[in-house]
Protein backbone atom coordinates (compact mmCIF):
# COMPACT_ATOMS: atom_id res chain seq x y z
CA MET A 1 8.99 7.83 -7.24
CA LEU A 2 11.26 10.39 -5.77
CA THR A 3 10.18 11.83 -2.43
CA VAL A 4 10.35 15.35 -3.89
CA GLU A 5 8.03 14.33 -6.75
CA ARG A 6 5.60 12.69 -4.33
CA ALA A 7 5.49 15.82 -2.17
CA ALA A 8 4.85 18.02 -5.21
CA VAL A 9 2.13 15.68 -6.53
CA LEU A 10 0.50 15.58 -3.07
CA ALA A 11 0.40 19.38 -3.00
CA ASP A 12 -1.13 19.48 -6.49
CA VAL A 13 -3.80 16.88 -5.61
CA LEU A 14 -4.74 18.78 -2.45
CA ARG A 15 -5.05 22.00 -4.44
CA CYS A 16 -7.02 20.51 -7.35
CA ALA A 17 -9.50 18.13 -5.68
CA ARG A 18 -13.05 19.49 -5.45
CA ALA A 19 -16.05 18.60 -3.33
CA GLY A 20 -19.13 16.96 -4.78
CA LEU A 21 -19.94 14.04 -7.03
CA SER A 22 -23.28 13.97 -8.80
CA GLY A 23 -24.98 13.19 -12.07
CA THR A 24 -26.05 10.21 -14.09
CA TRP A 25 -23.38 7.58 -14.67
CA LEU A 26 -23.49 4.14 -16.29
CA ARG A 27 -21.90 0.90 -15.20
CA GLY A 28 -21.47 -1.91 -17.70
CA ARG A 29 -20.76 -5.60 -17.24
CA ARG A 30 -20.51 -8.54 -19.61
CA PHE A 31 -22.59 -11.68 -18.99
CA PRO A 32 -23.08 -15.09 -20.62
CA ARG A 33 -25.46 -15.11 -23.58
CA GLY A 34 -29.08 -15.10 -22.45
CA ALA A 35 -28.36 -14.01 -18.85
CA ARG A 36 -30.76 -11.61 -17.10
CA PRO A 37 -28.51 -9.88 -14.53
CA SER A 38 -29.82 -8.27 -11.35
CA ARG A 39 -28.91 -4.86 -9.96
CA ALA A 40 -26.83 -6.55 -7.26
CA GLU A 41 -24.47 -7.93 -9.90
CA PHE A 42 -23.44 -4.35 -10.81
CA SER A 43 -22.96 -2.88 -7.35
CA ASP A 44 -20.97 -5.59 -5.67
CA GLY A 45 -17.50 -4.13 -6.24
CA GLU A 46 -16.59 -7.27 -8.14
CA ARG A 47 -13.29 -5.92 -9.45
CA ARG A 48 -10.80 -8.01 -7.52
CA ASP A 49 -8.18 -7.95 -10.28
CA GLU A 50 -6.05 -4.88 -10.60
CA GLY A 51 -7.24 -2.08 -12.84
CA ARG A 52 -6.00 1.21 -14.16
CA PHE A 53 -6.69 3.07 -10.93
CA HIS A 54 -6.73 0.37 -8.26
CA ARG A 55 -4.61 -2.55 -7.12
CA ALA A 56 -5.84 -6.13 -6.70
CA ASP A 57 -8.31 -6.52 -3.81
CA GLU A 58 -8.95 -2.78 -3.51
CA GLU A 59 -12.57 -1.72 -3.64
CA ALA A 60 -13.34 0.27 -6.79
CA LEU A 61 -16.35 0.84 -9.03
CA TYR A 62 -15.83 2.08 -12.59
CA PHE A 63 -18.45 4.10 -14.50
CA ALA A 64 -18.81 5.80 -17.89
CA ARG A 65 -20.89 8.78 -18.95
CA THR A 66 -22.28 7.31 -22.19
CA VAL A 67 -23.34 3.89 -23.51
CA ASP A 68 -20.72 4.24 -26.27
CA ALA A 69 -18.02 4.71 -23.63
CA VAL A 70 -19.34 1.67 -21.71
CA ARG A 71 -19.14 -0.43 -24.90
CA ALA A 72 -15.61 0.76 -25.59
CA GLU A 73 -14.39 0.15 -22.04
CA CYS A 74 -16.13 -3.20 -21.61
CA PRO A 75 -15.26 -5.36 -24.63
CA PRO A 76 -16.69 -8.88 -25.07
CA GLU A 77 -14.97 -11.62 -23.09
CA GLU A 78 -14.74 -15.36 -23.69
CA GLY A 79 -18.06 -16.80 -22.53
CA ARG A 80 -19.43 -13.33 -21.69
CA PRO A 81 -20.50 -11.69 -24.94
CA ASP A 82 -23.62 -9.82 -23.77
CA LEU A 83 -23.25 -6.27 -22.45
CA TRP A 84 -25.70 -5.02 -19.84
CA VAL A 85 -25.78 -1.46 -18.51
CA LEU A 86 -27.16 -0.09 -15.26
CA ARG A 87 -27.81 3.61 -14.64
CA TYR A 88 -26.78 5.31 -11.40
CA ASP A 89 -27.92 8.70 -10.15
CA LEU A 90 -24.98 9.77 -8.00
CA ASP A 91 -25.36 12.31 -5.22
CA LEU A 92 -22.35 12.55 -2.91
CA PRO A 93 -21.96 16.25 -2.04
CA ASP A 94 -19.23 15.51 0.50
CA ALA A 95 -17.10 13.29 -1.78
CA ARG A 96 -13.74 14.69 -2.87
CA VAL A 97 -13.18 14.33 -6.61
CA LEU A 98 -10.14 14.85 -8.78
CA ASP A 99 -10.83 15.66 -12.42
CA ARG A 100 -8.40 14.98 -15.20
CA PRO A 101 -7.94 17.28 -17.02
CA LEU A 102 -8.62 20.26 -14.78
CA PRO A 103 -8.74 23.95 -15.57
CA ALA A 104 -6.34 24.36 -12.63
CA TRP A 105 -3.79 21.92 -14.07
CA PRO A 106 -1.52 24.50 -15.72
CA ARG A 107 -0.57 25.37 -12.13
CA ALA A 108 -0.38 21.67 -11.18
CA THR A 109 2.87 20.98 -12.98
CA ALA A 110 4.07 17.98 -10.94
CA LEU A 111 0.70 16.24 -11.24
CA SER A 112 0.45 17.01 -14.96
CA GLY A 113 3.95 15.71 -15.65
CA ILE A 114 3.46 12.46 -13.73
CA TRP A 115 0.04 11.96 -15.33
CA ALA A 116 1.50 12.34 -18.83
CA LYS A 117 4.14 9.70 -18.02
CA ALA A 118 1.46 7.41 -16.56
CA ASP A 119 -0.76 7.73 -19.63
CA GLU A 120 2.14 6.98 -21.96
CA MET A 121 3.18 3.96 -19.91
CA ALA A 122 -0.36 2.56 -19.61
CA SER A 123 -1.26 2.97 -23.28
CA ALA A 124 2.03 1.57 -24.59
CA THR A 125 2.32 -1.45 -22.29
CA GLU A 126 -0.92 -1.75 -20.28
CA ASP A 127 1.33 -1.32 -17.23
CA TYR A 128 -0.78 0.43 -14.61
CA ALA A 129 1.91 0.87 -11.93
CA LEU A 130 2.09 4.66 -12.32
CA THR A 131 -1.66 5.24 -12.66
CA GLN A 132 -2.16 3.05 -9.57
CA TRP A 133 0.49 5.12 -7.75
CA LEU A 134 -1.39 8.31 -8.69
CA ALA A 135 -4.60 6.76 -7.35
CA ASP A 136 -2.78 5.84 -4.12
CA VAL A 137 -1.59 9.43 -3.76
CA ALA A 138 -5.08 10.79 -4.43
CA ARG A 139 -6.66 8.44 -1.88
CA SER A 140 -4.00 9.39 0.69
CA CYS A 141 -5.18 13.00 0.23
CA GLY A 142 -8.79 12.02 0.97
CA VAL A 143 -9.92 11.87 -2.67
CA ASP A 144 -12.89 9.50 -3.13
CA ALA A 145 -13.19 9.51 -6.93
CA LEU A 146 -11.43 10.36 -10.15
CA ARG A 147 -13.09 11.56 -13.36
CA TYR A 148 -10.94 10.99 -16.44
CA ARG A 149 -11.07 10.75 -20.20
CA SER A 150 -11.47 7.33 -21.72
CA ASP A 151 -8.54 5.95 -23.70
CA GLU A 152 -11.00 3.69 -25.51
CA ALA A 153 -13.99 5.96 -26.28
CA ALA A 154 -13.93 8.80 -28.79
CA ASP A 155 -16.00 11.17 -26.61
CA GLU A 156 -14.51 14.46 -25.48
CA GLY A 157 -14.04 15.35 -21.84
CA PRO A 158 -13.94 13.23 -18.71
CA VAL A 159 -16.29 10.40 -19.61
CA ASN A 160 -15.13 7.81 -17.05
CA LEU A 161 -15.25 7.69 -13.29
CA VAL A 162 -13.67 5.47 -10.67
CA VAL A 163 -14.96 5.60 -7.08
CA TRP A 164 -12.99 4.04 -4.21
CA GLY A 165 -13.56 2.74 -0.69
CA GLU A 166 -16.43 4.03 1.44
CA ALA A 167 -17.68 6.25 -1.40
CA ALA A 168 -17.91 3.14 -3.64
CA ARG A 169 -20.01 1.40 -1.00
CA ARG A 170 -22.34 4.43 -0.83
CA VAL A 171 -22.58 4.70 -4.63
CA ALA A 172 -23.49 1.00 -4.93
CA GLY A 173 -26.95 1.80 -3.54
CA MET A 174 -27.67 4.62 -6.01
CA ALA A 175 -28.67 2.44 -8.98
CA ILE A 176 -31.81 3.48 -10.87
CA GLY A 177 -34.12 0.96 -12.53
CA GLU A 178 -33.03 -2.42 -13.81
CA PRO A 179 -30.07 -3.41 -16.02
CA GLN A 180 -30.69 -2.90 -19.74
CA PRO A 181 -29.02 -4.58 -22.73
CA GLY A 182 -26.17 -2.43 -24.02
């Protein structure tokens, strides 16, 4: 990325990030047939491989707003066909969150332009370098979480959430009830 672009994106992120993360969110995981997973198996920050908004070995927890979005984002894997879902009641009033899309984004031209390129790149090639770069920029601005629209689910609006670092560790303890079959 050009230094000028990075500076413009930083300014947009600082302007657009808002305080507060709350609401009911769902976390899904696939397990071997017949498994009865525990709550701990959902909140352990198990994602050590890289993902859309984090690099390998970075702490990140991914959530969806609906069970349909969880199903779409968490397809069956070899040896792990059964989907289980755990509900979280998030309450982090001090967390900084970046929403995509934002009502303020018409003013956030650098961020909007880079995001459009990142979406195109990720959907065409599953190359997450640019979305990971955007996440790096957001985290460098003190952003703890990103709400975004699912590429996989048909729901409207920001139906997915990724929470990073210390906020992810805090969120891990906000699970409600026991995992349910999805």
